[in-house]
Amino acid sequence: GVQFVDRAGHWVQQEQPDRVSTLVVDFLRNGAG
């Protein structure tokens, strides 16, 4: 889906690295397959 990360602007992976990492890991574990 579309995931908008709170407290982040254009530099989402820098501004909220833990949240972005969690989204990616959850996607790979649960959605990508």
PDB file of all heavy atoms in Angstrom:
ATOM      1  N   GLY A   1       0.790  -1.222   0.000  1.00  0.00           N
ATOM      2  CA  GLY A   1       0.000   0.000   0.000  1.00  0.00           C
ATOM      3  C   GLY A   1       0.822   1.271   0.000  1.00  0.00           C
ATOM      4  O   GLY A   1       2.012   1.268  -0.287  1.00  0.00           O
ATOM      5  N   VAL A   2       0.163   2.353   0.333  1.00  0.00           N
ATOM      6  CA  VAL A   2       0.791   3.678   0.440  1.00  0.00           C
ATOM      7  C   VAL A   2       1.006   3.951   1.917  1.00  0.00           C
ATOM      8  O   VAL A   2       0.061   3.892   2.707  1.00  0.00           O
ATOM      9  CB  VAL A   2      -0.098   4.766  -0.195  1.00  0.00           C
ATOM     10  CG1 VAL A   2       0.468   6.158   0.059  1.00  0.00           C
ATOM     11  CG2 VAL A   2      -0.277   4.503  -1.685  1.00  0.00           C
ATOM     12  N   GLN A   3       2.233   4.224   2.279  1.00  0.00           N
ATOM     13  CA  GLN A   3       2.593   4.457   3.674  1.00  0.00           C
ATOM     14  C   GLN A   3       3.167   5.861   3.827  1.00  0.00           C
ATOM     15  O   GLN A   3       4.242   6.150   3.312  1.00  0.00           O
ATOM     16  CB  GLN A   3       3.636   3.427   4.133  1.00  0.00           C
ATOM     17  CG  GLN A   3       3.216   1.997   3.965  1.00  0.00           C
ATOM     18  CD  GLN A   3       2.073   1.603   4.874  1.00  0.00           C
ATOM     19  OE1 GLN A   3       1.923   2.138   5.966  1.00  0.00           O
ATOM     20  NE2 GLN A   3       1.251   0.668   4.423  1.00  0.00           N
ATOM     21  N   PHE A   4       2.431   6.741   4.495  1.00  0.00           N
ATOM     22  CA  PHE A   4       2.938   8.067   4.803  1.00  0.00           C
ATOM     23  C   PHE A   4       3.488   8.045   6.225  1.00  0.00           C
ATOM     24  O   PHE A   4       2.783   7.678   7.165  1.00  0.00           O
ATOM     25  CB  PHE A   4       1.845   9.124   4.664  1.00  0.00           C
ATOM     26  CG  PHE A   4       1.522   9.449   3.237  1.00  0.00           C
ATOM     27  CD1 PHE A   4       0.342   9.011   2.667  1.00  0.00           C
ATOM     28  CD2 PHE A   4       2.402  10.179   2.464  1.00  0.00           C
ATOM     29  CE1 PHE A   4       0.050   9.301   1.345  1.00  0.00           C
ATOM     30  CE2 PHE A   4       2.125  10.473   1.140  1.00  0.00           C
ATOM     31  CZ  PHE A   4       0.940  10.038   0.585  1.00  0.00           C
ATOM     32  N   VAL A   5       4.736   8.435   6.368  1.00  0.00           N
ATOM     33  CA  VAL A   5       5.435   8.367   7.647  1.00  0.00           C
ATOM     34  C   VAL A   5       5.338   9.713   8.353  1.00  0.00           C
ATOM     35  O   VAL A   5       5.721  10.752   7.785  1.00  0.00           O
ATOM     36  CB  VAL A   5       6.914   7.957   7.435  1.00  0.00           C
ATOM     37  CG1 VAL A   5       7.678   7.963   8.746  1.00  0.00           C
ATOM     38  CG2 VAL A   5       6.991   6.590   6.753  1.00  0.00           C
ATOM     39  N   ASP A   6       4.827   9.694   9.565  1.00  0.00           N
ATOM     40  CA  ASP A   6       4.719  10.909  10.376  1.00  0.00           C
ATOM     41  C   ASP A   6       6.096  11.455  10.711  1.00  0.00           C
ATOM     42  O   ASP A   6       7.079  10.709  10.794  1.00  0.00           O
ATOM     43  CB  ASP A   6       3.962  10.623  11.674  1.00  0.00           C
ATOM     44  CG  ASP A   6       2.496  10.314  11.441  1.00  0.00           C
ATOM     45  OD1 ASP A   6       1.914  10.798  10.446  1.00  0.00           O
ATOM     46  OD2 ASP A   6       1.918   9.574  12.264  1.00  0.00           O
ATOM     47  N   ARG A   7       6.163  12.775  10.902  1.00  0.00           N
ATOM     48  CA  ARG A   7       7.394  13.489  11.270  1.00  0.00           C
ATOM     49  C   ARG A   7       8.514  13.272  10.269  1.00  0.00           C
ATOM     50  O   ARG A   7       9.694  13.185  10.625  1.00  0.00           O
ATOM     51  CB  ARG A   7       7.826  13.122  12.693  1.00  0.00           C
ATOM     52  CG  ARG A   7       6.815  13.552  13.754  1.00  0.00           C
ATOM     53  CD  ARG A   7       7.209  13.180  15.166  1.00  0.00           C
ATOM     54  NE  ARG A   7       7.680  11.821  15.364  1.00  0.00           N
ATOM     55  CZ  ARG A   7       6.913  10.727  15.433  1.00  0.00           C
ATOM     56  NH1 ARG A   7       5.606  10.854  15.327  1.00  0.00           N
ATOM     57  NH2 ARG A   7       7.444   9.535  15.621  1.00  0.00           N
ATOM     58  N   ALA A   8       8.136  13.171   8.981  1.00  0.00           N
ATOM     59  CA  ALA A   8       9.123  13.045   7.906  1.00  0.00           C
ATOM     60  C   ALA A   8       8.651  13.847   6.709  1.00  0.00           C
ATOM     61  O   ALA A   8       7.456  13.909   6.414  1.00  0.00           O
ATOM     62  CB  ALA A   8       9.323  11.578   7.513  1.00  0.00           C
ATOM     63  N   GLY A   9       9.622  14.440   6.023  1.00  0.00           N
ATOM     64  CA  GLY A   9       9.350  15.158   4.789  1.00  0.00           C
ATOM     65  C   GLY A   9       9.972  14.403   3.630  1.00  0.00           C
ATOM     66  O   GLY A   9       9.892  13.175   3.548  1.00  0.00           O
ATOM     67  N   HIS A  10      10.635  15.132   2.749  1.00  0.00           N
ATOM     68  CA  HIS A  10      11.212  14.546   1.549  1.00  0.00           C
ATOM     69  C   HIS A  10      12.317  13.542   1.859  1.00  0.00           C
ATOM     70  O   HIS A  10      12.568  12.630   1.086  1.00  0.00           O
ATOM     71  CB  HIS A  10      11.754  15.666   0.655  1.00  0.00           C
ATOM     72  CG  HIS A  10      12.169  15.204  -0.695  1.00  0.00           C
ATOM     73  ND1 HIS A  10      11.262  14.790  -1.642  1.00  0.00           N
ATOM     74  CD2 HIS A  10      13.391  15.078  -1.260  1.00  0.00           C
ATOM     75  CE1 HIS A  10      11.913  14.435  -2.741  1.00  0.00           C
ATOM     76  NE2 HIS A  10      13.203  14.597  -2.534  1.00  0.00           N
ATOM     77  N   TRP A  11      12.971  13.686   2.969  1.00  0.00           N
ATOM     78  CA  TRP A  11      14.121  12.848   3.330  1.00  0.00           C
ATOM     79  C   TRP A  11      13.678  11.750   4.292  1.00  0.00           C
ATOM     80  O   TRP A  11      14.320  11.478   5.291  1.00  0.00           O
ATOM     81  CB  TRP A  11      15.218  13.720   3.948  1.00  0.00           C
ATOM     82  CG  TRP A  11      15.299  15.070   3.318  1.00  0.00           C
ATOM     83  CD1 TRP A  11      14.908  16.256   3.865  1.00  0.00           C
ATOM     84  CD2 TRP A  11      15.766  15.379   1.999  1.00  0.00           C
ATOM     85  NE1 TRP A  11      15.117  17.279   2.974  1.00  0.00           N
ATOM     86  CE2 TRP A  11      15.639  16.772   1.813  1.00  0.00           C
ATOM     87  CE3 TRP A  11      16.290  14.617   0.959  1.00  0.00           C
ATOM     88  CZ2 TRP A  11      16.002  17.416   0.639  1.00  0.00           C
ATOM     89  CZ3 TRP A  11      16.649  15.257  -0.209  1.00  0.00           C
ATOM     90  CH2 TRP A  11      16.511  16.642  -0.364  1.00  0.00           C
ATOM     91  N   VAL A  12      12.577  11.087   3.987  1.00  0.00           N
ATOM     92  CA  VAL A  12      11.922  10.138   4.892  1.00  0.00           C
ATOM     93  C   VAL A  12      12.881   9.107   5.461  1.00  0.00           C
ATOM     94  O   VAL A  12      12.847   8.797   6.648  1.00  0.00           O
ATOM     95  CB  VAL A  12      10.699   9.483   4.204  1.00  0.00           C
ATOM     96  CG1 VAL A  12      11.082   8.669   2.982  1.00  0.00           C
ATOM     97  CG2 VAL A  12       9.910   8.628   5.181  1.00  0.00           C
ATOM     98  N   GLN A  13      13.768   8.566   4.639  1.00  0.00           N
ATOM     99  CA  GLN A  13      14.682   7.517   5.121  1.00  0.00           C
ATOM    100  C   GLN A  13      15.711   8.069   6.097  1.00  0.00           C
ATOM    101  O   GLN A  13      16.261   7.317   6.903  1.00  0.00           O
ATOM    102  CB  GLN A  13      15.361   6.808   3.937  1.00  0.00           C
ATOM    103  CG  GLN A  13      16.444   7.602   3.248  1.00  0.00           C
ATOM    104  CD  GLN A  13      15.925   8.714   2.334  1.00  0.00           C
ATOM    105  OE1 GLN A  13      14.728   8.892   2.154  1.00  0.00           O
ATOM    106  NE2 GLN A  13      16.837   9.465   1.765  1.00  0.00           N
ATOM    107  N   GLN A  14      15.990   9.358   6.058  1.00  0.00           N
ATOM    108  CA  GLN A  14      16.913   9.972   7.007  1.00  0.00           C
ATOM    109  C   GLN A  14      16.171  10.500   8.228  1.00  0.00           C
ATOM    110  O   GLN A  14      16.660  10.378   9.341  1.00  0.00           O
ATOM    111  CB  GLN A  14      17.680  11.124   6.344  1.00  0.00           C
ATOM    112  CG  GLN A  14      18.725  10.655   5.351  1.00  0.00           C
ATOM    113  CD  GLN A  14      19.379  11.832   4.659  1.00  0.00           C
ATOM    114  OE1 GLN A  14      18.968  12.220   3.579  1.00  0.00           O
ATOM    115  NE2 GLN A  14      20.395  12.384   5.281  1.00  0.00           N
ATOM    116  N   GLU A  15      15.004  11.094   7.993  1.00  0.00           N
ATOM    117  CA  GLU A  15      14.262  11.703   9.091  1.00  0.00           C
ATOM    118  C   GLU A  15      13.669  10.664  10.040  1.00  0.00           C
ATOM    119  O   GLU A  15      13.591  10.903  11.244  1.00  0.00           O
ATOM    120  CB  GLU A  15      13.158  12.608   8.543  1.00  0.00           C
ATOM    121  CG  GLU A  15      13.692  13.824   7.795  1.00  0.00           C
ATOM    122  CD  GLU A  15      12.593  14.671   7.211  1.00  0.00           C
ATOM    123  OE1 GLU A  15      11.881  15.334   7.993  1.00  0.00           O
ATOM    124  OE2 GLU A  15      12.415  14.656   5.966  1.00  0.00           O
ATOM    125  N   GLN A  16      13.238   9.539   9.501  1.00  0.00           N
ATOM    126  CA  GLN A  16      12.620   8.479  10.308  1.00  0.00           C
ATOM    127  C   GLN A  16      13.148   7.106   9.889  1.00  0.00           C
ATOM    128  O   GLN A  16      12.404   6.249   9.413  1.00  0.00           O
ATOM    129  CB  GLN A  16      11.088   8.532  10.168  1.00  0.00           C
ATOM    130  CG  GLN A  16      10.458   9.789  10.709  1.00  0.00           C
ATOM    131  CD  GLN A  16      10.671   9.953  12.206  1.00  0.00           C
ATOM    132  OE1 GLN A  16      10.748   8.993  12.959  1.00  0.00           O
ATOM    133  NE2 GLN A  16      10.789  11.203  12.641  1.00  0.00           N
ATOM    134  N   PRO A  17      14.454   6.863  10.054  1.00  0.00           N
ATOM    135  CA  PRO A  17      15.039   5.608   9.567  1.00  0.00           C
ATOM    136  C   PRO A  17      14.459   4.360  10.217  1.00  0.00           C
ATOM    137  O   PRO A  17      14.272   3.343   9.553  1.00  0.00           O
ATOM    138  CB  PRO A  17      16.532   5.758   9.859  1.00  0.00           C
ATOM    139  CG  PRO A  17      16.605   6.776  10.949  1.00  0.00           C
ATOM    140  CD  PRO A  17      15.443   7.699  10.732  1.00  0.00           C
ATOM    141  N   ASP A  18      14.154   4.419  11.502  1.00  0.00           N
ATOM    142  CA  ASP A  18      13.617   3.230  12.172  1.00  0.00           C
ATOM    143  C   ASP A  18      12.236   2.872  11.626  1.00  0.00           C
ATOM    144  O   ASP A  18      11.942   1.698  11.377  1.00  0.00           O
ATOM    145  CB  ASP A  18      13.547   3.437  13.686  1.00  0.00           C
ATOM    146  CG  ASP A  18      14.927   3.548  14.326  1.00  0.00           C
ATOM    147  OD1 ASP A  18      15.921   3.103  13.696  1.00  0.00           O
ATOM    148  OD2 ASP A  18      15.013   4.095  15.437  1.00  0.00           O
ATOM    149  N   ARG A  19      11.401   3.873  11.427  1.00  0.00           N
ATOM    150  CA  ARG A  19      10.046   3.607  10.902  1.00  0.00           C
ATOM    151  C   ARG A  19      10.120   3.078   9.476  1.00  0.00           C
ATOM    152  O   ARG A  19       9.403   2.125   9.123  1.00  0.00           O
ATOM    153  CB  ARG A  19       9.187   4.875  10.960  1.00  0.00           C
ATOM    154  CG  ARG A  19       7.785   4.677  10.457  1.00  0.00           C
ATOM    155  CD  ARG A  19       6.988   3.740  11.363  1.00  0.00           C
ATOM    156  NE  ARG A  19       5.675   3.500  10.797  1.00  0.00           N
ATOM    157  CZ  ARG A  19       5.119   2.305  10.679  1.00  0.00           C
ATOM    158  NH1 ARG A  19       5.732   1.227  11.125  1.00  0.00           N
ATOM    159  NH2 ARG A  19       3.932   2.178  10.135  1.00  0.00           N
ATOM    160  N   VAL A  20      10.967   3.665   8.637  1.00  0.00           N
ATOM    161  CA  VAL A  20      11.118   3.201   7.263  1.00  0.00           C
ATOM    162  C   VAL A  20      11.648   1.766   7.248  1.00  0.00           C
ATOM    163  O   VAL A  20      11.129   0.917   6.512  1.00  0.00           O
ATOM    164  CB  VAL A  20      12.019   4.143   6.439  1.00  0.00           C
ATOM    165  CG1 VAL A  20      12.345   3.548   5.083  1.00  0.00           C
ATOM    166  CG2 VAL A  20      11.348   5.504   6.276  1.00  0.00           C
ATOM    167  N   SER A  21      12.634   1.469   8.078  1.00  0.00           N
ATOM    168  CA  SER A  21      13.180   0.116   8.144  1.00  0.00           C
ATOM    169  C   SER A  21      12.110  -0.884   8.568  1.00  0.00           C
ATOM    170  O   SER A  21      12.008  -1.982   8.004  1.00  0.00           O
ATOM    171  CB  SER A  21      14.360   0.053   9.114  1.00  0.00           C
ATOM    172  OG  SER A  21      15.429   0.828   8.625  1.00  0.00           O
ATOM    173  N   THR A  22      11.289  -0.513   9.551  1.00  0.00           N
ATOM    174  CA  THR A  22      10.208  -1.389   9.993  1.00  0.00           C
ATOM    175  C   THR A  22       9.217  -1.648   8.865  1.00  0.00           C
ATOM    176  O   THR A  22       8.795  -2.795   8.640  1.00  0.00           O
ATOM    177  CB  THR A  22       9.486  -0.782  11.216  1.00  0.00           C
ATOM    178  OG1 THR A  22      10.418  -0.691  12.290  1.00  0.00           O
ATOM    179  CG2 THR A  22       8.285  -1.624  11.634  1.00  0.00           C
ATOM    180  N   LEU A  23       8.852  -0.610   8.136  1.00  0.00           N
ATOM    181  CA  LEU A  23       7.927  -0.785   7.009  1.00  0.00           C
ATOM    182  C   LEU A  23       8.506  -1.728   5.959  1.00  0.00           C
ATOM    183  O   LEU A  23       7.802  -2.617   5.454  1.00  0.00           O
ATOM    184  CB  LEU A  23       7.606   0.570   6.375  1.00  0.00           C
ATOM    185  CG  LEU A  23       6.670   1.469   7.154  1.00  0.00           C
ATOM    186  CD1 LEU A  23       6.651   2.874   6.556  1.00  0.00           C
ATOM    187  CD2 LEU A  23       5.260   0.884   7.185  1.00  0.00           C
ATOM    188  N   VAL A  24       9.769  -1.549   5.630  1.00  0.00           N
ATOM    189  CA  VAL A  24      10.399  -2.386   4.602  1.00  0.00           C
ATOM    190  C   VAL A  24      10.509  -3.838   5.081  1.00  0.00           C
ATOM    191  O   VAL A  24      10.170  -4.769   4.339  1.00  0.00           O
ATOM    192  CB  VAL A  24      11.772  -1.817   4.189  1.00  0.00           C
ATOM    193  CG1 VAL A  24      12.519  -2.788   3.290  1.00  0.00           C
ATOM    194  CG2 VAL A  24      11.598  -0.473   3.489  1.00  0.00           C
ATOM    195  N   VAL A  25      10.946  -4.036   6.312  1.00  0.00           N
ATOM    196  CA  VAL A  25      11.079  -5.403   6.831  1.00  0.00           C
ATOM    197  C   VAL A  25       9.704  -6.077   6.900  1.00  0.00           C
ATOM    198  O   VAL A  25       9.556  -7.233   6.489  1.00  0.00           O
ATOM    199  CB  VAL A  25      11.784  -5.406   8.196  1.00  0.00           C
ATOM    200  CG1 VAL A  25      11.683  -6.767   8.880  1.00  0.00           C
ATOM    201  CG2 VAL A  25      13.249  -5.001   8.037  1.00  0.00           C
ATOM    202  N   ASP A  26       8.690  -5.365   7.400  1.00  0.00           N
ATOM    203  CA  ASP A  26       7.342  -5.943   7.435  1.00  0.00           C
ATOM    204  C   ASP A  26       6.840  -6.272   6.052  1.00  0.00           C
ATOM    205  O   ASP A  26       6.220  -7.321   5.828  1.00  0.00           O
ATOM    206  CB  ASP A  26       6.365  -4.983   8.120  1.00  0.00           C
ATOM    207  CG  ASP A  26       6.586  -4.902   9.628  1.00  0.00           C
ATOM    208  OD1 ASP A  26       7.363  -5.725  10.190  1.00  0.00           O
ATOM    209  OD2 ASP A  26       5.990  -4.001  10.248  1.00  0.00           O
ATOM    210  N   PHE A  27       7.112  -5.394   5.096  1.00  0.00           N
ATOM    211  CA  PHE A  27       6.710  -5.653   3.710  1.00  0.00           C
ATOM    212  C   PHE A  27       7.381  -6.917   3.180  1.00  0.00           C
ATOM    213  O   PHE A  27       6.741  -7.777   2.582  1.00  0.00           O
ATOM    214  CB  PHE A  27       7.072  -4.446   2.833  1.00  0.00           C
ATOM    215  CG  PHE A  27       6.949  -4.703   1.370  1.00  0.00           C
ATOM    216  CD1 PHE A  27       5.712  -4.798   0.750  1.00  0.00           C
ATOM    217  CD2 PHE A  27       8.086  -4.862   0.579  1.00  0.00           C
ATOM    218  CE1 PHE A  27       5.599  -5.036  -0.605  1.00  0.00           C
ATOM    219  CE2 PHE A  27       7.987  -5.101  -0.772  1.00  0.00           C
ATOM    220  CZ  PHE A  27       6.734  -5.188  -1.366  1.00  0.00           C
ATOM    221  N   LEU A  28       8.664  -7.048   3.409  1.00  0.00           N
ATOM    222  CA  LEU A  28       9.397  -8.219   2.924  1.00  0.00           C
ATOM    223  C   LEU A  28       8.923  -9.505   3.601  1.00  0.00           C
ATOM    224  O   LEU A  28       8.816 -10.544   2.970  1.00  0.00           O
ATOM    225  CB  LEU A  28      10.892  -8.024   3.122  1.00  0.00           C
ATOM    226  CG  LEU A  28      11.532  -6.945   2.251  1.00  0.00           C
ATOM    227  CD1 LEU A  28      12.975  -6.713   2.667  1.00  0.00           C
ATOM    228  CD2 LEU A  28      11.423  -7.292   0.780  1.00  0.00           C
ATOM    229  N   ARG A  29       8.620  -9.412   4.889  1.00  0.00           N
ATOM    230  CA  ARG A  29       8.155 -10.597   5.627  1.00  0.00           C
ATOM    231  C   ARG A  29       6.719 -10.978   5.266  1.00  0.00           C
ATOM    232  O   ARG A  29       6.407 -12.160   5.161  1.00  0.00           O
ATOM    233  CB  ARG A  29       8.217 -10.337   7.130  1.00  0.00           C
ATOM    234  CG  ARG A  29       9.578 -10.419   7.698  1.00  0.00           C
ATOM    235  CD  ARG A  29       9.522 -10.350   9.227  1.00  0.00           C
ATOM    236  NE  ARG A  29      10.864 -10.401   9.757  1.00  0.00           N
ATOM    237  CZ  ARG A  29      11.289  -9.691  10.783  1.00  0.00           C
ATOM    238  NH1 ARG A  29      10.469  -8.874  11.412  1.00  0.00           N
ATOM    239  NH2 ARG A  29      12.534  -9.799  11.190  1.00  0.00           N
ATOM    240  N   ASN A  30       5.873 -10.002   5.111  1.00  0.00           N
ATOM    241  CA  ASN A  30       4.440 -10.277   5.016  1.00  0.00           C
ATOM    242  C   ASN A  30       3.816 -10.037   3.650  1.00  0.00           C
ATOM    243  O   ASN A  30       2.837 -10.682   3.303  1.00  0.00           O
ATOM    244  CB  ASN A  30       3.676  -9.438   6.039  1.00  0.00           C
ATOM    245  CG  ASN A  30       4.187  -9.656   7.438  1.00  0.00           C
ATOM    246  OD1 ASN A  30       4.448 -10.786   7.824  1.00  0.00           O
ATOM    247  ND2 ASN A  30       4.350  -8.585   8.199  1.00  0.00           N
ATOM    248  N   GLY A  31       4.342  -9.107   2.907  1.00  0.00           N
ATOM    249  CA  GLY A  31       3.662  -8.720   1.683  1.00  0.00           C
ATOM    250  C   GLY A  31       4.343  -9.093   0.399  1.00  0.00           C
ATOM    251  O   GLY A  31       3.694  -9.389  -0.594  1.00  0.00           O
ATOM    252  N   ALA A  32       5.643  -9.110   0.420  1.00  0.00           N
ATOM    253  CA  ALA A  32       6.384  -9.298  -0.835  1.00  0.00           C
ATOM    254  C   ALA A  32       6.203 -10.685  -1.422  1.00  0.00           C
ATOM    255  O   ALA A  32       6.304 -10.874  -2.631  1.00  0.00           O
ATOM    256  CB  ALA A  32       7.870  -9.018  -0.622  1.00  0.00           C
ATOM    257  N   GLY A  33       5.895 -11.672  -0.595  1.00  0.00           N
ATOM    258  CA  GLY A  33       5.747 -13.028  -1.104  1.00  0.00           C
ATOM    259  C   GLY A  33       4.372 -13.373  -1.604  1.00  0.00           C
ATOM    260  O   GLY A  33       4.122 -14.460  -2.106  1.00  0.00           O
TER     261      GLY A  33
END
